[in-house]
Structures are given as structure tokens and as C-alpha cells.
């Protein structure tokens, strides 16, 4: 069975590009347009093997989403990648503090994303 990755981004263009990259590599992809929608999928006990989330989104941003997911029973060790235009070290440090496993900056190259995905979710 294919590993399932949840992608969260308020940009449908980014979700489409990321989804295509991951599906072409054999992954199953779930999509959410903000942190709140993503959180509902976790609370519904969807089978999710990895989370790739944007930082800046309406309703619930990526850092808030990671913080909440890490507190849900059973999700403490889920591989989580931040995929964002932000590259400030202070934000990366905050991402690490709330539980991000890795950080990628946009625009992304498909092989770069797949390299990180394979590294954190072998």
C-alpha cells in the first residue's frame, strides 16, 4: 500500500505541483488548504504517514498546525516537513521547537522534495 502524505497549502497551484510530484513518485496524497482543515483530517483518524505544510496560511498557520498535531495522541513521531517561502533562521528554529522534521523553501524542485521525503520517511 502506498504511503500517504498530507499536503497543506493555501495556494492551489502549490498543492497541485506538490501533489503531482508526490503521486508521480508513488505516494498517495491528501490535500488541505489550511491548518484547520488539516487538523480535522488528523482528528478523523485518517491514515497519514507524513505531513508537508506551508507556514503562512489563514485560520491556522503551519507552526500552529504542527504544534497541535504533536499534541494529538499517536502523532508525536509523524515526519513533518515545512515547505515555505520563509528562510529566516528564527522561523526555522521555531519550526524545530514545535516539532518540524525538516524545512524546504519555495519554489521547490521536485527532486529536492523527494530527497527530503525519502530521508525523513524511509
Protein backbone atom coordinates (compact mmCIF):
# COMPACT_ATOMS: atom_id res chain seq x y z
CA UNK A 1 0.00 0.00 0.00
CA UNK A 2 1.30 3.47 -0.90
CA UNK A 3 2.47 5.75 1.90
CA UNK A 4 0.02 8.64 2.39
CA UNK A 5 1.24 12.23 2.56
CA UNK A 6 -0.94 15.15 3.62
CA UNK A 7 -0.02 18.42 1.88
CA UNK A 8 -1.28 21.67 3.37
CA UNK A 9 -1.03 24.97 1.50
CA UNK A 10 -3.47 27.81 0.85
CA UNK A 11 -2.20 28.02 -2.76
CA UNK A 12 -3.96 25.52 -5.02
CA UNK A 13 -1.07 25.89 -7.51
CA UNK A 14 1.45 24.74 -4.91
CA UNK A 15 -0.85 21.89 -3.80
CA UNK A 16 -1.21 20.75 -7.43
CA UNK A 17 2.55 20.89 -8.15
CA UNK A 18 3.42 19.14 -4.90
CA UNK A 19 0.66 16.57 -5.35
CA UNK A 20 1.84 15.75 -8.88
CA UNK A 21 5.46 15.39 -7.71
CA UNK A 22 4.48 13.04 -4.88
CA UNK A 23 1.93 11.00 -6.88
CA UNK A 24 4.43 10.52 -9.72
CA UNK A 25 6.84 9.08 -7.12
CA UNK A 26 4.19 6.57 -5.99
CA UNK A 27 2.78 8.28 -2.91
CA UNK A 28 -0.91 8.72 -2.12
CA UNK A 29 -1.71 12.40 -1.47
CA UNK A 30 -4.34 14.07 0.71
CA UNK A 31 -4.72 17.85 0.45
CA UNK A 32 -5.89 20.60 2.79
CA UNK A 33 -5.94 24.35 2.16
CA UNK A 34 -5.19 25.46 5.72
CA UNK A 35 -4.18 24.16 9.12
CA UNK A 36 -7.74 23.84 10.40
CA UNK A 37 -8.79 21.60 7.50
CA UNK A 38 -5.64 19.51 8.01
CA UNK A 39 -6.31 19.20 11.74
CA UNK A 40 -9.80 17.85 11.01
CA UNK A 41 -8.22 15.05 8.92
CA UNK A 42 -5.94 14.10 11.82
CA UNK A 43 -8.84 14.20 14.28
CA UNK A 44 -10.86 11.97 11.92
CA UNK A 45 -8.03 9.42 12.31
CA UNK A 46 -7.08 9.45 8.64
CA UNK A 47 -4.10 7.19 7.92
CA UNK A 48 -1.34 9.74 7.33
CA UNK A 49 2.35 8.78 7.05
CA UNK A 50 3.78 12.28 6.60
CA UNK A 51 2.76 15.95 6.69
CA UNK A 52 4.11 18.64 4.34
CA UNK A 53 2.83 22.07 5.36
CA UNK A 54 3.20 25.70 4.36
CA UNK A 55 3.97 28.25 7.08
CA UNK A 56 1.82 31.26 6.15
CA UNK A 57 -1.85 30.26 5.83
CA UNK A 58 -5.16 31.72 7.01
CA UNK A 59 -7.04 30.31 10.04
CA UNK A 60 -4.21 28.15 11.41
CA UNK A 61 -0.63 28.59 10.18
CA UNK A 62 1.94 25.82 9.74
CA UNK A 63 3.63 26.32 13.11
CA UNK A 64 0.27 26.22 14.92
CA UNK A 65 -0.72 23.13 12.95
CA UNK A 66 2.50 21.28 13.84
CA UNK A 67 2.14 22.22 17.49
CA UNK A 68 -1.45 20.90 17.61
CA UNK A 69 -0.66 17.70 15.65
CA UNK A 70 2.25 16.90 18.01
CA UNK A 71 -0.19 17.05 20.96
CA UNK A 72 -2.70 14.64 19.38
CA UNK A 73 -2.46 11.02 20.59
CA UNK A 74 -0.46 8.89 18.16
CA UNK A 75 1.03 11.71 16.07
CA UNK A 76 4.08 12.63 18.17
CA UNK A 77 6.59 10.99 15.79
CA UNK A 78 4.95 11.77 12.43
CA UNK A 79 7.53 13.09 9.91
CA UNK A 80 6.64 16.76 9.23
CA UNK A 81 8.22 19.00 6.58
CA UNK A 82 7.73 22.77 6.39
CA UNK A 83 7.57 23.96 2.76
CA UNK A 84 7.56 27.74 2.72
CA UNK A 85 8.97 30.89 1.15
CA UNK A 86 10.36 31.82 4.58
CA UNK A 87 14.05 31.15 5.17
CA UNK A 88 14.74 33.15 8.36
CA UNK A 89 16.76 31.17 10.90
CA UNK A 90 14.46 32.33 13.72
CA UNK A 91 11.47 30.75 11.94
CA UNK A 92 13.42 27.54 11.27
CA UNK A 93 14.32 27.41 14.97
CA UNK A 94 10.65 27.91 15.89
CA UNK A 95 9.70 25.15 13.43
CA UNK A 96 12.18 22.79 15.08
CA UNK A 97 10.89 23.77 18.52
CA UNK A 98 7.27 22.86 17.65
CA UNK A 99 8.33 19.60 16.01
CA UNK A 100 9.13 20.04 12.30
CA UNK A 101 11.41 17.27 10.98
CA UNK A 102 12.70 19.32 8.04
CA UNK A 103 12.44 22.65 6.19
CA UNK A 104 12.28 23.33 2.45
CA UNK A 105 11.98 26.70 0.75
CA UNK A 106 9.76 27.55 -2.21
CA UNK A 107 9.96 27.50 -5.11
CA UNK A 108 10.85 23.82 -4.77
CA UNK A 109 12.47 21.40 -7.18
CA UNK A 110 10.68 18.01 -7.36
CA UNK A 111 13.90 16.04 -6.76
CA UNK A 112 14.67 18.22 -3.72
CA UNK A 113 11.25 17.49 -2.18
CA UNK A 114 11.50 13.77 -2.91
CA UNK A 115 15.02 13.65 -1.43
CA UNK A 116 13.79 15.12 1.85
CA UNK A 117 10.64 12.96 1.87
CA UNK A 118 12.75 9.80 1.46
CA UNK A 119 15.17 10.98 4.12
CA UNK A 120 12.56 11.60 6.85
CA UNK A 121 10.18 8.79 5.83
CA UNK A 122 12.37 5.93 4.58
